[in-house]
Amino acid sequence: MPRGYRVAGDEKTIHAAEMAKIDKDWNQVNIPVIHIHGDADDLVPYTNINYSKEKFTSLEIVSIPQKGHEIAWAHPELILPYVYKMLDQTSN
């Protein structure tokens, strides 16, 4: 099995437990957060945006229609404007 698949499998095995460890700490994030999510994501449920809404006070949600989990790699042109916007916001 390719190393990348093994690493991804290991990550998923412990992901929920690790997220539970930091769940109470998200309110300490004091910079703007942009949650970018494809509405056709078949790995991470689209409803995770609700979790972000609960945890972050300075939040922008960007929903990318008809795109899945691979947005950052397959369609960087769709997310880079938001990354640049975040950089502008945090550098001022």
PDB file of N, CA and C in Angstrom:
ATOM      1  N   MET A   1       0.853  -1.175   0.000  1.00  0.00           N
ATOM      2  CA  MET A   1       0.000   0.000   0.000  1.00  0.00           C
ATOM      3  C   MET A   1       0.901   1.241   0.000  1.00  0.00           C
ATOM      4  N   PRO A   2       0.594   2.229  -0.829  1.00  0.00           N
ATOM      5  CA  PRO A   2       1.404   3.453  -0.871  1.00  0.00           C
ATOM      6  C   PRO A   2       1.425   4.166   0.482  1.00  0.00           C
ATOM      7  N   ARG A   3       2.539   4.781   0.776  1.00  0.00           N
ATOM      8  CA  ARG A   3       2.728   5.469   2.058  1.00  0.00           C
ATOM      9  C   ARG A   3       1.637   6.515   2.312  1.00  0.00           C
ATOM     10  N   GLY A   4       1.283   7.273   1.290  1.00  0.00           N
ATOM     11  CA  GLY A   4       0.258   8.305   1.449  1.00  0.00           C
ATOM     12  C   GLY A   4      -1.065   7.752   1.938  1.00  0.00           C
ATOM     13  N   TYR A   5      -1.448   6.593   1.443  1.00  0.00           N
ATOM     14  CA  TYR A   5      -2.684   5.957   1.890  1.00  0.00           C
ATOM     15  C   TYR A   5      -2.586   5.500   3.340  1.00  0.00           C
ATOM     16  N   ARG A   6      -1.400   4.982   3.702  1.00  0.00           N
ATOM     17  CA  ARG A   6      -1.212   4.547   5.090  1.00  0.00           C
ATOM     18  C   ARG A   6      -1.296   5.735   6.035  1.00  0.00           C
ATOM     19  N   VAL A   7      -0.654   6.833   5.676  1.00  0.00           N
ATOM     20  CA  VAL A   7      -0.679   8.033   6.516  1.00  0.00           C
ATOM     21  C   VAL A   7      -2.113   8.549   6.651  1.00  0.00           C
ATOM     22  N   ALA A   8      -2.830   8.610   5.538  1.00  0.00           N
ATOM     23  CA  ALA A   8      -4.220   9.086   5.585  1.00  0.00           C
ATOM     24  C   ALA A   8      -5.080   8.172   6.454  1.00  0.00           C
ATOM     25  N   GLY A   9      -4.872   6.872   6.339  1.00  0.00           N
ATOM     26  CA  GLY A   9      -5.621   5.927   7.165  1.00  0.00           C
ATOM     27  C   GLY A   9      -5.318   6.090   8.642  1.00  0.00           C
ATOM     28  N   ASP A  10      -4.038   6.262   8.963  1.00  0.00           N
ATOM     29  CA  ASP A  10      -3.650   6.498  10.358  1.00  0.00           C
ATOM     30  C   ASP A  10      -4.281   7.771  10.892  1.00  0.00           C
ATOM     31  N   GLU A  11      -4.273   8.807  10.062  1.00  0.00           N
ATOM     32  CA  GLU A  11      -4.860  10.086  10.480  1.00  0.00           C
ATOM     33  C   GLU A  11      -6.337   9.923  10.814  1.00  0.00           C
ATOM     34  N   LYS A  12      -7.061   9.253   9.962  1.00  0.00           N
ATOM     35  CA  LYS A  12      -8.494   9.078  10.190  1.00  0.00           C
ATOM     36  C   LYS A  12      -8.778   8.224  11.423  1.00  0.00           C
ATOM     37  N   THR A  13      -7.892   7.302  11.718  1.00  0.00           N
ATOM     38  CA  THR A  13      -8.077   6.431  12.875  1.00  0.00           C
ATOM     39  C   THR A  13      -8.059   7.221  14.175  1.00  0.00           C
ATOM     40  N   ILE A  14      -7.202   8.217  14.270  1.00  0.00           N
ATOM     41  CA  ILE A  14      -7.068   8.971  15.521  1.00  0.00           C
ATOM     42  C   ILE A  14      -7.688  10.366  15.471  1.00  0.00           C
ATOM     43  N   HIS A  15      -8.196  10.755  14.311  1.00  0.00           N
ATOM     44  CA  HIS A  15      -8.669  12.125  14.122  1.00  0.00           C
ATOM     45  C   HIS A  15      -9.742  12.544  15.134  1.00  0.00           C
ATOM     46  N   ALA A  16     -10.757  11.760  15.313  1.00  0.00           N
ATOM     47  CA  ALA A  16     -11.857  12.129  16.214  1.00  0.00           C
ATOM     48  C   ALA A  16     -11.369  12.302  17.644  1.00  0.00           C
ATOM     49  N   ALA A  17     -10.504  11.410  18.100  1.00  0.00           N
ATOM     50  CA  ALA A  17      -9.994  11.509  19.476  1.00  0.00           C
ATOM     51  C   ALA A  17      -9.137  12.762  19.651  1.00  0.00           C
ATOM     52  N   GLU A  18      -8.325  13.069  18.659  1.00  0.00           N
ATOM     53  CA  GLU A  18      -7.482  14.259  18.742  1.00  0.00           C
ATOM     54  C   GLU A  18      -8.316  15.537  18.700  1.00  0.00           C
ATOM     55  N   MET A  19      -9.357  15.553  17.870  1.00  0.00           N
ATOM     56  CA  MET A  19     -10.236  16.721  17.809  1.00  0.00           C
ATOM     57  C   MET A  19     -10.960  16.928  19.134  1.00  0.00           C
ATOM     58  N   ALA A  20     -11.355  15.856  19.791  1.00  0.00           N
ATOM     59  CA  ALA A  20     -12.026  15.965  21.085  1.00  0.00           C
ATOM     60  C   ALA A  20     -11.109  16.598  22.124  1.00  0.00           C
ATOM     61  N   LYS A  21      -9.815  16.333  22.032  1.00  0.00           N
ATOM     62  CA  LYS A  21      -8.860  16.901  22.987  1.00  0.00           C
ATOM     63  C   LYS A  21      -8.785  18.420  22.900  1.00  0.00           C
ATOM     64  N   ILE A  22      -8.994  18.978  21.710  1.00  0.00           N
ATOM     65  CA  ILE A  22      -8.865  20.426  21.540  1.00  0.00           C
ATOM     66  C   ILE A  22     -10.208  21.141  21.403  1.00  0.00           C
ATOM     67  N   ASP A  23     -11.298  20.404  21.516  1.00  0.00           N
ATOM     68  CA  ASP A  23     -12.622  20.976  21.319  1.00  0.00           C
ATOM     69  C   ASP A  23     -12.875  22.212  22.183  1.00  0.00           C
ATOM     70  N   LYS A  24     -12.461  22.168  23.425  1.00  0.00           N
ATOM     71  CA  LYS A  24     -12.743  23.291  24.334  1.00  0.00           C
ATOM     72  C   LYS A  24     -11.829  24.493  24.100  1.00  0.00           C
ATOM     73  N   ASP A  25     -10.812  24.346  23.264  1.00  0.00           N
ATOM     74  CA  ASP A  25      -9.833  25.410  23.050  1.00  0.00           C
ATOM     75  C   ASP A  25     -10.105  26.289  21.833  1.00  0.00           C
ATOM     76  N   TRP A  26     -11.060  25.913  20.992  1.00  0.00           N
ATOM     77  CA  TRP A  26     -11.298  26.684  19.778  1.00  0.00           C
ATOM     78  C   TRP A  26     -11.681  28.129  20.074  1.00  0.00           C
ATOM     79  N   ASN A  27     -12.324  28.371  21.204  1.00  0.00           N
ATOM     80  CA  ASN A  27     -12.742  29.743  21.521  1.00  0.00           C
ATOM     81  C   ASN A  27     -11.556  30.665  21.782  1.00  0.00           C
ATOM     82  N   GLN A  28     -10.367  30.126  21.883  1.00  0.00           N
ATOM     83  CA  GLN A  28      -9.165  30.940  22.075  1.00  0.00           C
ATOM     84  C   GLN A  28      -8.607  31.481  20.757  1.00  0.00           C
ATOM     85  N   VAL A  29      -9.137  31.022  19.647  1.00  0.00           N
ATOM     86  CA  VAL A  29      -8.703  31.527  18.346  1.00  0.00           C
ATOM     87  C   VAL A  29      -9.251  32.933  18.193  1.00  0.00           C
ATOM     88  N   ASN A  30      -8.364  33.902  18.056  1.00  0.00           N
ATOM     89  CA  ASN A  30      -8.815  35.298  18.022  1.00  0.00           C
ATOM     90  C   ASN A  30      -8.449  36.007  16.719  1.00  0.00           C
ATOM     91  N   ILE A  31      -8.346  35.250  15.652  1.00  0.00           N
ATOM     92  CA  ILE A  31      -8.139  35.825  14.331  1.00  0.00           C
ATOM     93  C   ILE A  31      -9.309  35.400  13.450  1.00  0.00           C
ATOM     94  N   PRO A  32      -9.525  36.103  12.347  1.00  0.00           N
ATOM     95  CA  PRO A  32     -10.608  35.690  11.452  1.00  0.00           C
ATOM     96  C   PRO A  32     -10.382  34.272  10.930  1.00  0.00           C
ATOM     97  N   VAL A  33     -11.471  33.543  10.764  1.00  0.00           N
ATOM     98  CA  VAL A  33     -11.432  32.175  10.256  1.00  0.00           C
ATOM     99  C   VAL A  33     -12.303  32.113   9.008  1.00  0.00           C
ATOM    100  N   ILE A  34     -11.763  31.513   7.963  1.00  0.00           N
ATOM    101  CA  ILE A  34     -12.548  31.258   6.755  1.00  0.00           C
ATOM    102  C   ILE A  34     -12.660  29.743   6.603  1.00  0.00           C
ATOM    103  N   HIS A  35     -13.875  29.257   6.651  1.00  0.00           N
ATOM    104  CA  HIS A  35     -14.145  27.823   6.462  1.00  0.00           C
ATOM    105  C   HIS A  35     -14.611  27.659   5.021  1.00  0.00           C
ATOM    106  N   ILE A  36     -13.760  27.055   4.210  1.00  0.00           N
ATOM    107  CA  ILE A  36     -14.075  26.813   2.799  1.00  0.00           C
ATOM    108  C   ILE A  36     -14.436  25.339   2.661  1.00  0.00           C
ATOM    109  N   HIS A  37     -15.609  25.083   2.093  1.00  0.00           N
ATOM    110  CA  HIS A  37     -16.078  23.698   2.038  1.00  0.00           C
ATOM    111  C   HIS A  37     -16.846  23.460   0.748  1.00  0.00           C
ATOM    112  N   GLY A  38     -16.499  22.403   0.051  1.00  0.00           N
ATOM    113  CA  GLY A  38     -17.260  22.004  -1.128  1.00  0.00           C
ATOM    114  C   GLY A  38     -18.544  21.314  -0.714  1.00  0.00           C
ATOM    115  N   ASP A  39     -19.627  21.665  -1.359  1.00  0.00           N
ATOM    116  CA  ASP A  39     -20.899  21.052  -0.962  1.00  0.00           C
ATOM    117  C   ASP A  39     -21.057  19.623  -1.477  1.00  0.00           C
ATOM    118  N   ALA A  40     -20.074  19.144  -2.254  1.00  0.00           N
ATOM    119  CA  ALA A  40     -20.093  17.760  -2.726  1.00  0.00           C
ATOM    120  C   ALA A  40     -18.946  16.953  -2.110  1.00  0.00           C
ATOM    121  N   ASP A  41     -18.454  17.393  -0.966  1.00  0.00           N
ATOM    122  CA  ASP A  41     -17.352  16.701  -0.281  1.00  0.00           C
ATOM    123  C   ASP A  41     -17.821  15.331   0.189  1.00  0.00           C
ATOM    124  N   ASP A  42     -17.113  14.289  -0.235  1.00  0.00           N
ATOM    125  CA  ASP A  42     -17.505  12.941   0.161  1.00  0.00           C
ATOM    126  C   ASP A  42     -16.626  12.377   1.279  1.00  0.00           C
ATOM    127  N   LEU A  43     -15.711  13.195   1.812  1.00  0.00           N
ATOM    128  CA  LEU A  43     -14.873  12.757   2.923  1.00  0.00           C
ATOM    129  C   LEU A  43     -15.211  13.458   4.234  1.00  0.00           C
ATOM    130  N   VAL A  44     -15.420  14.751   4.160  1.00  0.00           N
ATOM    131  CA  VAL A  44     -15.758  15.538   5.353  1.00  0.00           C
ATOM    132  C   VAL A  44     -17.187  16.055   5.168  1.00  0.00           C
ATOM    133  N   PRO A  45     -18.077  15.737   6.072  1.00  0.00           N
ATOM    134  CA  PRO A  45     -19.479  16.148   5.904  1.00  0.00           C
ATOM    135  C   PRO A  45     -19.622  17.668   5.786  1.00  0.00           C
ATOM    136  N   TYR A  46     -20.430  18.072   4.830  1.00  0.00           N
ATOM    137  CA  TYR A  46     -20.691  19.499   4.625  1.00  0.00           C
ATOM    138  C   TYR A  46     -21.274  20.137   5.882  1.00  0.00           C
ATOM    139  N   THR A  47     -21.977  19.368   6.669  1.00  0.00           N
ATOM    140  CA  THR A  47     -22.581  19.894   7.892  1.00  0.00           C
ATOM    141  C   THR A  47     -21.543  20.309   8.931  1.00  0.00           C
ATOM    142  N   ASN A  48     -20.269  20.040   8.691  1.00  0.00           N
ATOM    143  CA  ASN A  48     -19.224  20.520   9.602  1.00  0.00           C
ATOM    144  C   ASN A  48     -19.194  22.044   9.692  1.00  0.00           C
ATOM    145  N   ILE A  49     -19.817  22.714   8.721  1.00  0.00           N
ATOM    146  CA  ILE A  49     -19.875  24.173   8.816  1.00  0.00           C
ATOM    147  C   ILE A  49     -20.647  24.590  10.074  1.00  0.00           C
ATOM    148  N   ASN A  50     -21.584  23.777  10.505  1.00  0.00           N
ATOM    149  CA  ASN A  50     -22.336  24.091  11.725  1.00  0.00           C
ATOM    150  C   ASN A  50     -21.429  24.062  12.955  1.00  0.00           C
ATOM    151  N   TYR A  51     -20.496  23.137  12.984  1.00  0.00           N
ATOM    152  CA  TYR A  51     -19.518  23.069  14.078  1.00  0.00           C
ATOM    153  C   TYR A  51     -18.680  24.347  14.090  1.00  0.00           C
ATOM    154  N   SER A  52     -18.236  24.780  12.913  1.00  0.00           N
ATOM    155  CA  SER A  52     -17.457  26.017  12.843  1.00  0.00           C
ATOM    156  C   SER A  52     -18.258  27.208  13.348  1.00  0.00           C
ATOM    157  N   LYS A  53     -19.536  27.247  12.997  1.00  0.00           N
ATOM    158  CA  LYS A  53     -20.395  28.341  13.458  1.00  0.00           C
ATOM    159  C   LYS A  53     -20.479  28.373  14.979  1.00  0.00           C
ATOM    160  N   GLU A  54     -20.474  27.210  15.600  1.00  0.00           N
ATOM    161  CA  GLU A  54     -20.547  27.130  17.067  1.00  0.00           C
ATOM    162  C   GLU A  54     -19.248  27.564  17.733  1.00  0.00           C
ATOM    163  N   LYS A  55     -18.120  27.325  17.082  1.00  0.00           N
ATOM    164  CA  LYS A  55     -16.820  27.481  17.731  1.00  0.00           C
ATOM    165  C   LYS A  55     -16.125  28.805  17.481  1.00  0.00           C
ATOM    166  N   PHE A  56     -16.361  29.425  16.333  1.00  0.00           N
ATOM    167  CA  PHE A  56     -15.594  30.622  15.972  1.00  0.00           C
ATOM    168  C   PHE A  56     -16.488  31.852  15.929  1.00  0.00           C
ATOM    169  N   THR A  57     -16.015  32.928  16.522  1.00  0.00           N
ATOM    170  CA  THR A  57     -16.807  34.153  16.545  1.00  0.00           C
ATOM    171  C   THR A  57     -16.565  35.013  15.311  1.00  0.00           C
ATOM    172  N   SER A  58     -15.366  34.978  14.773  1.00  0.00           N
ATOM    173  CA  SER A  58     -15.048  35.756  13.581  1.00  0.00           C
ATOM    174  C   SER A  58     -14.906  34.790  12.411  1.00  0.00           C
ATOM    175  N   LEU A  59     -16.036  34.430  11.826  1.00  0.00           N
ATOM    176  CA  LEU A  59     -16.074  33.347  10.851  1.00  0.00           C
ATOM    177  C   LEU A  59     -16.737  33.784   9.553  1.00  0.00           C
ATOM    178  N   GLU A  60     -16.109  33.393   8.461  1.00  0.00           N
ATOM    179  CA  GLU A  60     -16.731  33.516   7.141  1.00  0.00           C
ATOM    180  C   GLU A  60     -16.822  32.105   6.567  1.00  0.00           C
ATOM    181  N   ILE A  61     -17.996  31.734   6.125  1.00  0.00           N
ATOM    182  CA  ILE A  61     -18.175  30.420   5.512  1.00  0.00           C
ATOM    183  C   ILE A  61     -18.279  30.612   4.011  1.00  0.00           C
ATOM    184  N   VAL A  62     -17.469  29.845   3.296  1.00  0.00           N
ATOM    185  CA  VAL A  62     -17.489  29.874   1.839  1.00  0.00           C
ATOM    186  C   VAL A  62     -17.874  28.480   1.361  1.00  0.00           C
ATOM    187  N   SER A  63     -18.988  28.407   0.698  1.00  0.00           N
ATOM    188  CA  SER A  63     -19.470  27.145   0.150  1.00  0.00           C
ATOM    189  C   SER A  63     -19.158  27.119  -1.340  1.00  0.00           C
ATOM    190  N   ILE A  64     -18.453  26.081  -1.769  1.00  0.00           N
ATOM    191  CA  ILE A  64     -18.095  25.959  -3.179  1.00  0.00           C
ATOM    192  C   ILE A  64     -19.021  24.909  -3.804  1.00  0.00           C
ATOM    193  N   PRO A  65     -19.918  25.340  -4.670  1.00  0.00           N
ATOM    194  CA  PRO A  65     -20.886  24.417  -5.258  1.00  0.00           C
ATOM    195  C   PRO A  65     -20.224  23.339  -6.126  1.00  0.00           C
ATOM    196  N   GLN A  66     -20.740  22.137  -6.015  1.00  0.00           N
ATOM    197  CA  GLN A  66     -20.368  21.010  -6.860  1.00  0.00           C
ATOM    198  C   GLN A  66     -18.880  20.666  -6.817  1.00  0.00           C
ATOM    199  N   LYS A  67     -18.239  20.940  -5.690  1.00  0.00           N
ATOM    200  CA  LYS A  67     -16.828  20.582  -5.525  1.00  0.00           C
ATOM    201  C   LYS A  67     -16.692  19.705  -4.302  1.00  0.00           C
ATOM    202  N   GLY A  68     -15.742  18.787  -4.384  1.00  0.00           N
ATOM    203  CA  GLY A  68     -15.530  17.858  -3.294  1.00  0.00           C
ATOM    204  C   GLY A  68     -14.353  18.214  -2.422  1.00  0.00           C
ATOM    205  N   HIS A  69     -13.794  17.218  -1.803  1.00  0.00           N
ATOM    206  CA  HIS A  69     -12.733  17.380  -0.817  1.00  0.00           C
ATOM    207  C   HIS A  69     -11.425  17.897  -1.418  1.00  0.00           C
ATOM    208  N   GLU A  70     -11.245  17.734  -2.687  1.00  0.00           N
ATOM    209  CA  GLU A  70      -9.979  18.039  -3.346  1.00  0.00           C
ATOM    210  C   GLU A  70      -9.829  19.491  -3.801  1.00  0.00           C
ATOM    211  N   ILE A  71     -10.654  20.378  -3.319  1.00  0.00           N
ATOM    212  CA  ILE A  71     -10.660  21.757  -3.822  1.00  0.00           C
ATOM    213  C   ILE A  71      -9.264  22.382  -3.826  1.00  0.00           C
ATOM    214  N   ALA A  72      -8.559  22.291  -2.723  1.00  0.00           N
ATOM    215  CA  ALA A  72      -7.258  22.971  -2.619  1.00  0.00           C
ATOM    216  C   ALA A  72      -6.268  22.497  -3.670  1.00  0.00           C
ATOM    217  N   TRP A  73      -6.336  21.231  -4.026  1.00  0.00           N
ATOM    218  CA  TRP A  73      -5.383  20.673  -4.983  1.00  0.00           C
ATOM    219  C   TRP A  73      -5.883  20.759  -6.413  1.00  0.00           C
ATOM    220  N   ALA A  74      -7.146  20.486  -6.615  1.00  0.00           N
ATOM    221  CA  ALA A  74      -7.695  20.436  -7.966  1.00  0.00           C
ATOM    222  C   ALA A  74      -8.169  21.787  -8.479  1.00  0.00           C
ATOM    223  N   HIS A  75      -8.526  22.688  -7.558  1.00  0.00           N
ATOM    224  CA  HIS A  75      -9.071  23.991  -7.966  1.00  0.00           C
ATOM    225  C   HIS A  75      -8.542  25.117  -7.075  1.00  0.00           C
ATOM    226  N   PRO A  76      -7.234  25.281  -7.021  1.00  0.00           N
ATOM    227  CA  PRO A  76      -6.690  26.330  -6.150  1.00  0.00           C
ATOM    228  C   PRO A  76      -7.188  27.723  -6.513  1.00  0.00           C
ATOM    229  N   GLU A  77      -7.557  27.923  -7.771  1.00  0.00           N
ATOM    230  CA  GLU A  77      -8.057  29.234  -8.193  1.00  0.00           C
ATOM    231  C   GLU A  77      -9.347  29.616  -7.468  1.00  0.00           C
ATOM    232  N   LEU A  78     -10.052  28.621  -6.925  1.00  0.00           N
ATOM    233  CA  LEU A  78     -11.290  28.908  -6.204  1.00  0.00           C
ATOM    234  C   LEU A  78     -11.042  29.312  -4.754  1.00  0.00           C
ATOM    235  N   ILE A  79      -9.937  28.899  -4.195  1.00  0.00           N
ATOM    236  CA  ILE A  79      -9.688  29.212  -2.787  1.00  0.00           C
ATOM    237  C   ILE A  79      -8.611  30.272  -2.577  1.00  0.00           C
ATOM    238  N   LEU A  80      -7.706  30.434  -3.530  1.00  0.00           N
ATOM    239  CA  LEU A  80      -6.622  31.407  -3.336  1.00  0.00           C
ATOM    240  C   LEU A  80      -7.111  32.825  -3.053  1.00  0.00           C
ATOM    241  N   PRO A  81      -8.163  33.309  -3.694  1.00  0.00           N
ATOM    242  CA  PRO A  81      -8.633  34.654  -3.339  1.00  0.00           C
ATOM    243  C   PRO A  81      -8.978  34.790  -1.846  1.00  0.00           C
ATOM    244  N   TYR A  82      -9.511  33.728  -1.257  1.00  0.00           N
ATOM    245  CA  TYR A  82      -9.855  33.759   0.159  1.00  0.00           C
ATOM    246  C   TYR A  82      -8.606  33.700   1.040  1.00  0.00           C
ATOM    247  N   VAL A  83      -7.612  32.961   0.605  1.00  0.00           N
ATOM    248  CA  VAL A  83      -6.340  32.908   1.338  1.00  0.00           C
ATOM    249  C   VAL A  83      -5.690  34.288   1.319  1.00  0.00           C
ATOM    250  N   TYR A  84      -5.674  34.922   0.159  1.00  0.00           N
ATOM    251  CA  TYR A  84      -5.097  36.267   0.066  1.00  0.00           C
ATOM    252  C   TYR A  84      -5.876  37.262   0.920  1.00  0.00           C
ATOM    253  N   LYS A  85      -7.196  37.139   0.922  1.00  0.00           N
ATOM    254  CA  LYS A  85      -8.024  38.012   1.744  1.00  0.00           C
ATOM    255  C   LYS A  85      -7.671  37.832   3.240  1.00  0.00           C
ATOM    256  N   MET A  86      -7.511  36.578   3.649  1.00  0.00           N
ATOM    257  CA  MET A  86      -7.147  36.294   5.047  1.00  0.00           C
ATOM    258  C   MET A  86      -5.800  36.924   5.377  1.00  0.00           C
ATOM    259  N   LEU A  87      -4.850  36.786   4.496  1.00  0.00           N
ATOM    260  CA  LEU A  87      -3.531  37.374   4.727  1.00  0.00           C
ATOM    261  C   LEU A  87      -3.620  38.896   4.862  1.00  0.00           C
ATOM    262  N   ASP A  88      -4.419  39.515   4.017  1.00  0.00           N
ATOM    263  CA  ASP A  88      -4.612  40.959   4.106  1.00  0.00           C
ATOM    264  C   ASP A  88      -5.249  41.350   5.436  1.00  0.00           C
ATOM    265  N   GLN A  89      -6.235  40.592   5.873  1.00  0.00           N
ATOM    266  CA  GLN A  89      -6.920  40.903   7.124  1.00  0.00           C
ATOM    267  C   GLN A  89      -6.006  40.763   8.335  1.00  0.00           C
ATOM    268  N   THR A  90      -5.163  39.769   8.333  1.00  0.00           N
ATOM    269  CA  THR A  90      -4.334  39.508   9.505  1.00  0.00           C
ATOM    270  C   THR A  90      -3.055  40.322   9.511  1.00  0.00           C
ATOM    271  N   SER A  91      -2.692  40.923   8.382  1.00  0.00           N
ATOM    272  CA  SER A  91      -1.452  41.708   8.356  1.00  0.00           C
ATOM    273  C   SER A  91      -1.703  43.173   8.695  1.00  0.00           C
ATOM    274  N   ASN A  92      -2.957  43.574   8.789  1.00  0.00           N
ATOM    275  CA  ASN A  92      -3.266  44.993   9.112  1.00  0.00           C
ATOM    276  C   ASN A  92      -3.419  45.201  10.604  1.00  0.00           C
TER     277      ASN A  92
END
